[in-house]
Amino acid sequence: MQALLKMLIISNDKAAITKYKRMPIWRENGFEISAVTSDKDEALTLMHKDNIAFTLIFNKPPAVDAAKTLEQIASKGLRCETLVISPFGNSDNMRECFIAGAVDYLCEPVSEIRIKEALARAKEQYNKSMENCEYRIAAKEYFSSMKTQDKFTESLLD
């Protein structure tokens, strides 16, 4: 059995957190909710410390602004797949979230079927990202073991 991917929920809406945590779809689709926070700084710390693979952000500005949170995640060099759930269906907000790195953006109310579809896309992105990472590590090890290196090979190591 494959290990469950750790998920962080970022929200200040206690009712929504309770509702979504009760859904069985997380474990059924290979995820476990490892932490919940409404604080962006704490979220960044948890992501780094707990090896979070996936975040679920409830977009409820100004307390939790998904686009700004995604930008902060990227600026810290943290890599995770993110699903945004929002009461806002306007295209500007969706666009900001996608540009900032969201895998999907769902408008409330959200069905378990839609979440399941979004989780499948997120898991696919995660797996591609991990394959890429493993490839880069293997390539770096190979090229760094070469006795002679030219400028091209050195550039591959950066």
N, C-alpha and C. Protein backbone atom coordinates (compact mmCIF):
# COMPACT_ATOMS: atom_id res chain seq x y z
N MET A 1 0.84 -1.19 0.00
CA MET A 1 0.00 0.00 0.00
C MET A 1 0.88 1.25 0.00
N GLN A 2 0.52 2.20 -0.81
CA GLN A 2 1.29 3.43 -0.93
C GLN A 2 1.00 4.35 0.24
N ALA A 3 2.02 5.06 0.69
CA ALA A 3 1.85 6.00 1.81
C ALA A 3 0.90 7.12 1.41
N LEU A 4 0.14 7.60 2.39
CA LEU A 4 -0.78 8.70 2.15
C LEU A 4 0.00 10.00 2.00
N LEU A 5 -0.45 10.85 1.09
CA LEU A 5 0.18 12.16 0.90
C LEU A 5 -0.35 13.12 1.95
N LYS A 6 0.55 13.85 2.57
CA LYS A 6 0.16 14.79 3.63
C LYS A 6 -0.48 16.04 3.05
N MET A 7 -1.57 16.46 3.67
CA MET A 7 -2.32 17.61 3.20
C MET A 7 -2.48 18.62 4.32
N LEU A 8 -2.38 19.88 3.96
CA LEU A 8 -2.57 21.00 4.89
C LEU A 8 -3.79 21.78 4.45
N ILE A 9 -4.69 22.06 5.38
CA ILE A 9 -5.85 22.90 5.10
C ILE A 9 -5.55 24.29 5.65
N ILE A 10 -5.74 25.30 4.79
CA ILE A 10 -5.54 26.69 5.20
C ILE A 10 -6.89 27.38 5.12
N SER A 11 -7.45 27.70 6.30
CA SER A 11 -8.77 28.31 6.35
C SER A 11 -9.02 28.91 7.71
N ASN A 12 -9.88 29.93 7.74
CA ASN A 12 -10.30 30.50 9.02
C ASN A 12 -11.78 30.19 9.28
N ASP A 13 -12.37 29.36 8.43
CA ASP A 13 -13.78 29.00 8.52
C ASP A 13 -13.92 27.64 9.22
N LYS A 14 -14.17 27.69 10.53
CA LYS A 14 -14.22 26.46 11.32
C LYS A 14 -15.31 25.49 10.83
N ALA A 15 -16.46 26.02 10.41
CA ALA A 15 -17.54 25.16 9.92
C ALA A 15 -17.12 24.43 8.65
N ALA A 16 -16.46 25.14 7.75
CA ALA A 16 -16.00 24.51 6.51
C ALA A 16 -14.94 23.46 6.81
N ILE A 17 -14.03 23.75 7.72
CA ILE A 17 -12.99 22.80 8.09
C ILE A 17 -13.63 21.52 8.61
N THR A 18 -14.57 21.66 9.52
CA THR A 18 -15.25 20.49 10.09
C THR A 18 -15.96 19.69 8.99
N LYS A 19 -16.67 20.39 8.13
CA LYS A 19 -17.41 19.73 7.03
C LYS A 19 -16.47 18.95 6.13
N TYR A 20 -15.41 19.58 5.68
CA TYR A 20 -14.52 18.93 4.73
C TYR A 20 -13.66 17.85 5.38
N LYS A 21 -13.28 18.02 6.63
CA LYS A 21 -12.49 16.99 7.31
C LYS A 21 -13.27 15.69 7.47
N ARG A 22 -14.57 15.79 7.58
CA ARG A 22 -15.42 14.60 7.76
C ARG A 22 -15.58 13.78 6.48
N MET A 23 -15.29 14.38 5.35
CA MET A 23 -15.47 13.67 4.08
C MET A 23 -14.47 12.51 3.97
N PRO A 24 -14.94 11.34 3.57
CA PRO A 24 -14.05 10.19 3.45
C PRO A 24 -13.16 10.22 2.20
N ILE A 25 -13.39 11.17 1.30
CA ILE A 25 -12.67 11.16 0.02
C ILE A 25 -11.17 11.36 0.16
N TRP A 26 -10.73 11.97 1.22
CA TRP A 26 -9.30 12.23 1.36
C TRP A 26 -8.52 10.92 1.41
N ARG A 27 -8.83 10.08 2.38
CA ARG A 27 -8.13 8.80 2.52
C ARG A 27 -8.39 7.89 1.34
N GLU A 28 -9.63 7.90 0.84
CA GLU A 28 -9.98 7.07 -0.30
C GLU A 28 -9.13 7.39 -1.52
N ASN A 29 -8.62 8.61 -1.59
CA ASN A 29 -7.84 9.05 -2.74
C ASN A 29 -6.36 9.24 -2.43
N GLY A 30 -5.93 8.71 -1.28
CA GLY A 30 -4.50 8.70 -0.97
C GLY A 30 -3.96 9.91 -0.23
N PHE A 31 -4.85 10.67 0.45
CA PHE A 31 -4.43 11.85 1.18
C PHE A 31 -4.79 11.72 2.66
N GLU A 32 -4.00 12.37 3.50
CA GLU A 32 -4.34 12.48 4.91
C GLU A 32 -4.20 13.94 5.32
N ILE A 33 -5.17 14.42 6.08
CA ILE A 33 -5.11 15.79 6.58
C ILE A 33 -4.16 15.78 7.77
N SER A 34 -3.00 16.39 7.60
CA SER A 34 -2.00 16.35 8.67
C SER A 34 -2.02 17.60 9.54
N ALA A 35 -2.58 18.70 9.01
CA ALA A 35 -2.62 19.94 9.80
C ALA A 35 -3.65 20.90 9.22
N VAL A 36 -4.10 21.81 10.10
CA VAL A 36 -5.04 22.86 9.73
C VAL A 36 -4.55 24.16 10.36
N THR A 37 -4.58 25.24 9.58
CA THR A 37 -4.18 26.53 10.11
C THR A 37 -4.90 27.65 9.35
N SER A 38 -4.97 28.81 9.97
CA SER A 38 -5.50 29.98 9.27
C SER A 38 -4.40 31.03 9.09
N ASP A 39 -3.23 30.74 9.61
CA ASP A 39 -2.12 31.67 9.59
C ASP A 39 -1.13 31.31 8.46
N LYS A 40 -0.87 32.27 7.56
CA LYS A 40 0.01 32.01 6.42
C LYS A 40 1.43 31.64 6.85
N ASP A 41 1.95 32.34 7.85
CA ASP A 41 3.31 32.04 8.30
C ASP A 41 3.40 30.64 8.90
N GLU A 42 2.41 30.28 9.70
CA GLU A 42 2.38 28.93 10.27
C GLU A 42 2.25 27.89 9.15
N ALA A 43 1.45 28.21 8.12
CA ALA A 43 1.29 27.29 6.99
C ALA A 43 2.64 27.02 6.32
N LEU A 44 3.42 28.08 6.11
CA LEU A 44 4.73 27.92 5.48
C LEU A 44 5.66 27.07 6.34
N THR A 45 5.62 27.29 7.64
CA THR A 45 6.44 26.50 8.56
C THR A 45 6.03 25.03 8.53
N LEU A 46 4.71 24.78 8.58
CA LEU A 46 4.21 23.41 8.55
C LEU A 46 4.57 22.71 7.24
N MET A 47 4.47 23.44 6.15
CA MET A 47 4.79 22.84 4.85
C MET A 47 6.24 22.40 4.80
N HIS A 48 7.12 23.23 5.31
CA HIS A 48 8.54 22.91 5.31
C HIS A 48 8.85 21.77 6.27
N LYS A 49 8.31 21.86 7.46
CA LYS A 49 8.61 20.90 8.53
C LYS A 49 7.97 19.52 8.28
N ASP A 50 6.72 19.50 7.82
CA ASP A 50 5.96 18.25 7.72
C ASP A 50 5.94 17.61 6.34
N ASN A 51 6.71 18.16 5.40
CA ASN A 51 6.77 17.61 4.05
C ASN A 51 5.37 17.48 3.44
N ILE A 52 4.66 18.59 3.40
CA ILE A 52 3.30 18.64 2.88
C ILE A 52 3.35 18.54 1.35
N ALA A 53 2.52 17.65 0.80
CA ALA A 53 2.48 17.46 -0.65
C ALA A 53 1.32 18.21 -1.29
N PHE A 54 0.33 18.56 -0.48
CA PHE A 54 -0.91 19.10 -1.01
C PHE A 54 -1.51 20.10 -0.03
N THR A 55 -2.00 21.23 -0.55
CA THR A 55 -2.71 22.18 0.30
C THR A 55 -4.11 22.41 -0.25
N LEU A 56 -5.01 22.61 0.66
CA LEU A 56 -6.39 22.97 0.36
C LEU A 56 -6.61 24.34 0.98
N ILE A 57 -6.81 25.35 0.14
CA ILE A 57 -6.96 26.71 0.64
C ILE A 57 -8.40 27.17 0.43
N PHE A 58 -9.02 27.62 1.51
CA PHE A 58 -10.36 28.21 1.41
C PHE A 58 -10.15 29.71 1.24
N ASN A 59 -10.48 30.19 0.07
CA ASN A 59 -10.25 31.58 -0.31
C ASN A 59 -11.31 32.48 0.32
N LYS A 60 -10.96 33.09 1.46
CA LYS A 60 -11.88 33.99 2.16
C LYS A 60 -11.13 35.24 2.59
N PRO A 61 -10.80 36.10 1.59
CA PRO A 61 -10.07 37.33 1.93
C PRO A 61 -10.89 38.21 2.86
N PRO A 62 -10.29 39.03 3.67
CA PRO A 62 -8.84 39.27 3.73
C PRO A 62 -8.10 38.29 4.62
N ALA A 63 -8.83 37.51 5.45
CA ALA A 63 -8.15 36.62 6.40
C ALA A 63 -7.31 35.57 5.67
N VAL A 64 -7.86 34.93 4.65
CA VAL A 64 -7.13 33.95 3.86
C VAL A 64 -7.33 34.29 2.39
N ASP A 65 -6.28 34.83 1.79
CA ASP A 65 -6.30 35.18 0.37
C ASP A 65 -5.49 34.12 -0.37
N ALA A 66 -6.18 33.27 -1.14
CA ALA A 66 -5.53 32.13 -1.78
C ALA A 66 -4.40 32.55 -2.71
N ALA A 67 -4.63 33.55 -3.55
CA ALA A 67 -3.59 33.97 -4.50
C ALA A 67 -2.34 34.45 -3.78
N LYS A 68 -2.51 35.25 -2.75
CA LYS A 68 -1.35 35.75 -2.00
C LYS A 68 -0.64 34.62 -1.25
N THR A 69 -1.42 33.69 -0.72
CA THR A 69 -0.83 32.54 -0.03
C THR A 69 -0.02 31.70 -1.01
N LEU A 70 -0.56 31.45 -2.19
CA LEU A 70 0.16 30.70 -3.22
C LEU A 70 1.45 31.40 -3.63
N GLU A 71 1.39 32.72 -3.74
CA GLU A 71 2.59 33.48 -4.09
C GLU A 71 3.66 33.35 -3.01
N GLN A 72 3.23 33.37 -1.75
CA GLN A 72 4.20 33.22 -0.64
C GLN A 72 4.81 31.82 -0.65
N ILE A 73 4.00 30.81 -0.93
CA ILE A 73 4.51 29.44 -1.00
C ILE A 73 5.60 29.36 -2.07
N ALA A 74 5.31 29.91 -3.24
CA ALA A 74 6.28 29.88 -4.35
C ALA A 74 7.54 30.68 -4.01
N SER A 75 7.37 31.84 -3.36
CA SER A 75 8.53 32.68 -3.04
C SER A 75 9.47 32.00 -2.05
N LYS A 76 8.96 31.08 -1.26
CA LYS A 76 9.80 30.35 -0.29
C LYS A 76 10.41 29.10 -0.91
N GLY A 77 10.08 28.84 -2.18
CA GLY A 77 10.63 27.67 -2.86
C GLY A 77 9.98 26.37 -2.44
N LEU A 78 8.84 26.45 -1.81
CA LEU A 78 8.13 25.24 -1.38
C LEU A 78 7.31 24.72 -2.55
N ARG A 79 7.27 23.42 -2.69
CA ARG A 79 6.56 22.81 -3.81
C ARG A 79 5.45 21.92 -3.28
N CYS A 80 4.23 22.26 -3.64
CA CYS A 80 3.10 21.40 -3.31
C CYS A 80 1.97 21.71 -4.29
N GLU A 81 1.08 20.78 -4.42
CA GLU A 81 -0.08 20.97 -5.30
C GLU A 81 -1.19 21.60 -4.45
N THR A 82 -1.94 22.53 -5.04
CA THR A 82 -2.93 23.27 -4.27
C THR A 82 -4.29 23.30 -4.95
N LEU A 83 -5.30 23.03 -4.16
CA LEU A 83 -6.70 23.15 -4.58
C LEU A 83 -7.28 24.33 -3.83
N VAL A 84 -7.94 25.23 -4.56
CA VAL A 84 -8.58 26.39 -3.94
C VAL A 84 -10.09 26.18 -3.97
N ILE A 85 -10.73 26.37 -2.83
CA ILE A 85 -12.19 26.36 -2.75
C ILE A 85 -12.60 27.77 -2.35
N SER A 86 -13.53 28.34 -3.11
CA SER A 86 -13.86 29.75 -2.92
C SER A 86 -15.35 30.02 -3.12
N PRO A 87 -15.86 30.99 -2.36
CA PRO A 87 -17.24 31.43 -2.62
C PRO A 87 -17.31 32.37 -3.82
N PHE A 88 -16.15 32.78 -4.32
CA PHE A 88 -16.09 33.72 -5.43
C PHE A 88 -15.90 32.99 -6.75
N GLY A 89 -16.76 33.27 -7.71
CA GLY A 89 -16.65 32.64 -9.01
C GLY A 89 -16.17 33.58 -10.08
N ASN A 90 -15.61 34.72 -9.66
CA ASN A 90 -15.20 35.68 -10.69
C ASN A 90 -13.89 35.26 -11.35
N SER A 91 -13.80 35.55 -12.63
CA SER A 91 -12.67 35.08 -13.41
C SER A 91 -11.34 35.72 -13.00
N ASP A 92 -11.37 36.95 -12.52
CA ASP A 92 -10.12 37.60 -12.10
C ASP A 92 -9.48 36.85 -10.94
N ASN A 93 -10.29 36.48 -9.95
CA ASN A 93 -9.77 35.77 -8.79
C ASN A 93 -9.27 34.38 -9.19
N MET A 94 -10.02 33.71 -10.03
CA MET A 94 -9.58 32.39 -10.52
C MET A 94 -8.25 32.50 -11.24
N ARG A 95 -8.15 33.48 -12.11
CA ARG A 95 -6.93 33.68 -12.90
C ARG A 95 -5.73 33.92 -11.99
N GLU A 96 -5.90 34.78 -10.99
CA GLU A 96 -4.81 35.05 -10.05
C GLU A 96 -4.34 33.77 -9.37
N CYS A 97 -5.29 32.94 -8.97
CA CYS A 97 -4.93 31.69 -8.28
C CYS A 97 -4.21 30.73 -9.21
N PHE A 98 -4.69 30.60 -10.45
CA PHE A 98 -4.01 29.71 -11.40
C PHE A 98 -2.62 30.21 -11.74
N ILE A 99 -2.46 31.50 -11.94
CA ILE A 99 -1.14 32.06 -12.23
C ILE A 99 -0.19 31.81 -11.05
N ALA A 100 -0.73 31.88 -9.85
CA ALA A 100 0.09 31.68 -8.64
C ALA A 100 0.38 30.20 -8.37
N GLY A 101 -0.27 29.29 -9.12
CA GLY A 101 0.09 27.88 -8.99
C GLY A 101 -0.99 26.91 -8.58
N ALA A 102 -2.23 27.33 -8.50
CA ALA A 102 -3.30 26.40 -8.12
C ALA A 102 -3.49 25.33 -9.19
N VAL A 103 -3.73 24.10 -8.74
CA VAL A 103 -4.03 23.00 -9.66
C VAL A 103 -5.49 23.08 -10.10
N ASP A 104 -6.35 23.49 -9.17
CA ASP A 104 -7.77 23.61 -9.48
C ASP A 104 -8.40 24.67 -8.59
N TYR A 105 -9.53 25.18 -9.04
CA TYR A 105 -10.26 26.23 -8.33
C TYR A 105 -11.73 25.84 -8.38
N LEU A 106 -12.29 25.54 -7.23
CA LEU A 106 -13.68 25.11 -7.15
C LEU A 106 -14.51 26.16 -6.43
N CYS A 107 -15.70 26.43 -6.98
CA CYS A 107 -16.60 27.40 -6.36
C CYS A 107 -17.60 26.67 -5.47
N GLU A 108 -17.82 27.23 -4.29
CA GLU A 108 -18.78 26.65 -3.35
C GLU A 108 -20.20 26.86 -3.86
N PRO A 109 -21.09 25.95 -3.58
CA PRO A 109 -20.91 24.68 -2.86
C PRO A 109 -20.21 23.65 -3.75
N VAL A 110 -19.41 22.81 -3.13
CA VAL A 110 -18.59 21.84 -3.86
C VAL A 110 -19.04 20.43 -3.51
N SER A 111 -19.22 19.61 -4.53
CA SER A 111 -19.60 18.21 -4.31
C SER A 111 -18.35 17.36 -4.10
N GLU A 112 -18.53 16.21 -3.49
CA GLU A 112 -17.41 15.30 -3.29
C GLU A 112 -16.87 14.81 -4.63
N ILE A 113 -17.73 14.69 -5.63
CA ILE A 113 -17.30 14.24 -6.95
C ILE A 113 -16.32 15.24 -7.56
N ARG A 114 -16.64 16.54 -7.45
CA ARG A 114 -15.73 17.57 -7.98
C ARG A 114 -14.40 17.56 -7.24
N ILE A 115 -14.46 17.38 -5.92
CA ILE A 115 -13.22 17.33 -5.14
C ILE A 115 -12.40 16.11 -5.56
N LYS A 116 -13.07 14.99 -5.75
CA LYS A 116 -12.37 13.76 -6.15
C LYS A 116 -11.67 13.97 -7.49
N GLU A 117 -12.33 14.63 -8.45
CA GLU A 117 -11.72 14.92 -9.74
C GLU A 117 -10.50 15.83 -9.57
N ALA A 118 -10.64 16.84 -8.72
CA ALA A 118 -9.53 17.76 -8.46
C ALA A 118 -8.36 17.05 -7.79
N LEU A 119 -8.66 16.15 -6.87
CA LEU A 119 -7.61 15.39 -6.20
C LEU A 119 -6.85 14.51 -7.19
N ALA A 120 -7.58 13.93 -8.14
CA ALA A 120 -6.93 13.09 -9.16
C ALA A 120 -5.95 13.93 -9.98
N ARG A 121 -6.36 15.15 -10.37
CA ARG A 121 -5.46 16.03 -11.12
C ARG A 121 -4.26 16.43 -10.27
N ALA A 122 -4.52 16.74 -9.01
CA ALA A 122 -3.42 17.14 -8.12
C ALA A 122 -2.43 16.00 -7.93
N LYS A 123 -2.95 14.80 -7.77
CA LYS A 123 -2.07 13.65 -7.57
C LYS A 123 -1.24 13.38 -8.83
N GLU A 124 -1.85 13.55 -9.98
CA GLU A 124 -1.13 13.38 -11.25
C GLU A 124 -0.01 14.41 -11.36
N GLN A 125 -0.30 15.67 -11.03
CA GLN A 125 0.72 16.72 -11.03
C GLN A 125 1.84 16.40 -10.06
N TYR A 126 1.47 15.95 -8.88
CA TYR A 126 2.45 15.60 -7.84
C TYR A 126 3.38 14.49 -8.34
N ASN A 127 2.79 13.45 -8.93
CA ASN A 127 3.59 12.33 -9.42
C ASN A 127 4.55 12.77 -10.53
N LYS A 128 4.09 13.64 -11.43
CA LYS A 128 4.96 14.16 -12.48
C LYS A 128 6.10 14.97 -11.87
N SER A 129 5.77 15.76 -10.87
CA SER A 129 6.77 16.59 -10.20
C SER A 129 7.83 15.72 -9.53
N MET A 130 7.39 14.64 -8.89
CA MET A 130 8.33 13.74 -8.21
C MET A 130 9.21 13.02 -9.22
N GLU A 131 8.65 12.60 -10.35
CA GLU A 131 9.44 11.95 -11.39
C GLU A 131 10.51 12.92 -11.91
N ASN A 132 10.12 14.15 -12.13
CA ASN A 132 11.05 15.18 -12.59
C ASN A 132 12.16 15.39 -11.59
N CYS A 133 11.80 15.44 -10.33
CA CYS A 133 12.78 15.65 -9.26
C CYS A 133 13.78 14.49 -9.21
N GLU A 134 13.27 13.26 -9.30
CA GLU A 134 14.15 12.09 -9.26
C GLU A 134 15.08 12.08 -10.48
N TYR A 135 14.55 12.48 -11.63
CA TYR A 135 15.37 12.55 -12.84
C TYR A 135 16.49 13.56 -12.66
N ARG A 136 16.15 14.75 -12.14
CA ARG A 136 17.16 15.79 -11.95
C ARG A 136 18.24 15.34 -10.97
N ILE A 137 17.85 14.66 -9.91
CA ILE A 137 18.83 14.18 -8.93
C ILE A 137 19.76 13.15 -9.57
N ALA A 138 19.19 12.21 -10.32
CA ALA A 138 20.01 11.19 -10.98
C ALA A 138 20.95 11.82 -11.99
N ALA A 139 20.46 12.78 -12.76
CA ALA A 139 21.30 13.44 -13.75
C ALA A 139 22.42 14.21 -13.08
N LYS A 140 22.10 14.91 -11.99
CA LYS A 140 23.11 15.68 -11.27
C LYS A 140 24.20 14.75 -10.72
N GLU A 141 23.79 13.61 -10.16
CA GLU A 141 24.77 12.65 -9.63
C GLU A 141 25.67 12.12 -10.74
N TYR A 142 25.06 11.81 -11.88
CA TYR A 142 25.83 11.28 -13.01
C TYR A 142 26.84 12.31 -13.51
N PHE A 143 26.36 13.52 -13.79
CA PHE A 143 27.26 14.54 -14.35
C PHE A 143 28.33 14.97 -13.35
N SER A 144 28.01 14.99 -12.07
CA SER A 144 29.02 15.39 -11.09
C SER A 144 30.08 14.30 -10.91
N SER A 145 29.78 13.07 -11.29
CA SER A 145 30.76 11.99 -11.16
C SER A 145 31.72 11.93 -12.36
N MET A 146 31.42 12.69 -13.40
CA MET A 146 32.30 12.70 -14.58
C MET A 146 33.63 13.35 -14.23
N LYS A 147 34.71 12.78 -14.74
CA LYS A 147 36.03 13.30 -14.43
C LYS A 147 36.29 14.63 -15.10
N THR A 148 35.84 14.79 -16.31
CA THR A 148 36.03 16.05 -17.01
C THR A 148 34.67 16.69 -17.24
N GLN A 149 34.65 17.99 -17.04
CA GLN A 149 33.40 18.71 -17.24
C GLN A 149 33.66 19.95 -18.07
N ASP A 150 32.80 20.16 -19.02
CA ASP A 150 32.89 21.39 -19.80
C ASP A 150 31.81 22.36 -19.28
N LYS A 151 31.72 23.50 -19.92
CA LYS A 151 30.75 24.52 -19.46
C LYS A 151 29.31 24.00 -19.54
N PHE A 152 29.02 23.22 -20.58
CA PHE A 152 27.68 22.67 -20.72
C PHE A 152 27.33 21.75 -19.56
N THR A 153 28.24 20.83 -19.22
CA THR A 153 27.98 19.90 -18.12
C THR A 153 27.87 20.63 -16.80
N GLU A 154 28.70 21.66 -16.61
CA GLU A 154 28.61 22.45 -15.38
C GLU A 154 27.26 23.14 -15.29
N SER A 155 26.75 23.61 -16.42
CA SER A 155 25.44 24.28 -16.40
C SER A 155 24.33 23.32 -16.01
N LEU A 156 24.50 22.04 -16.32
CA LEU A 156 23.48 21.04 -15.95
C LEU A 156 23.46 20.80 -14.45
N LEU A 157 24.56 21.07 -13.79
CA LEU A 157 24.65 20.85 -12.35
C LEU A 157 24.05 21.98 -11.56
N ASP A 158 23.81 23.12 -12.17
CA ASP A 158 23.23 24.28 -11.46
C ASP A 158 21.75 24.12 -11.28
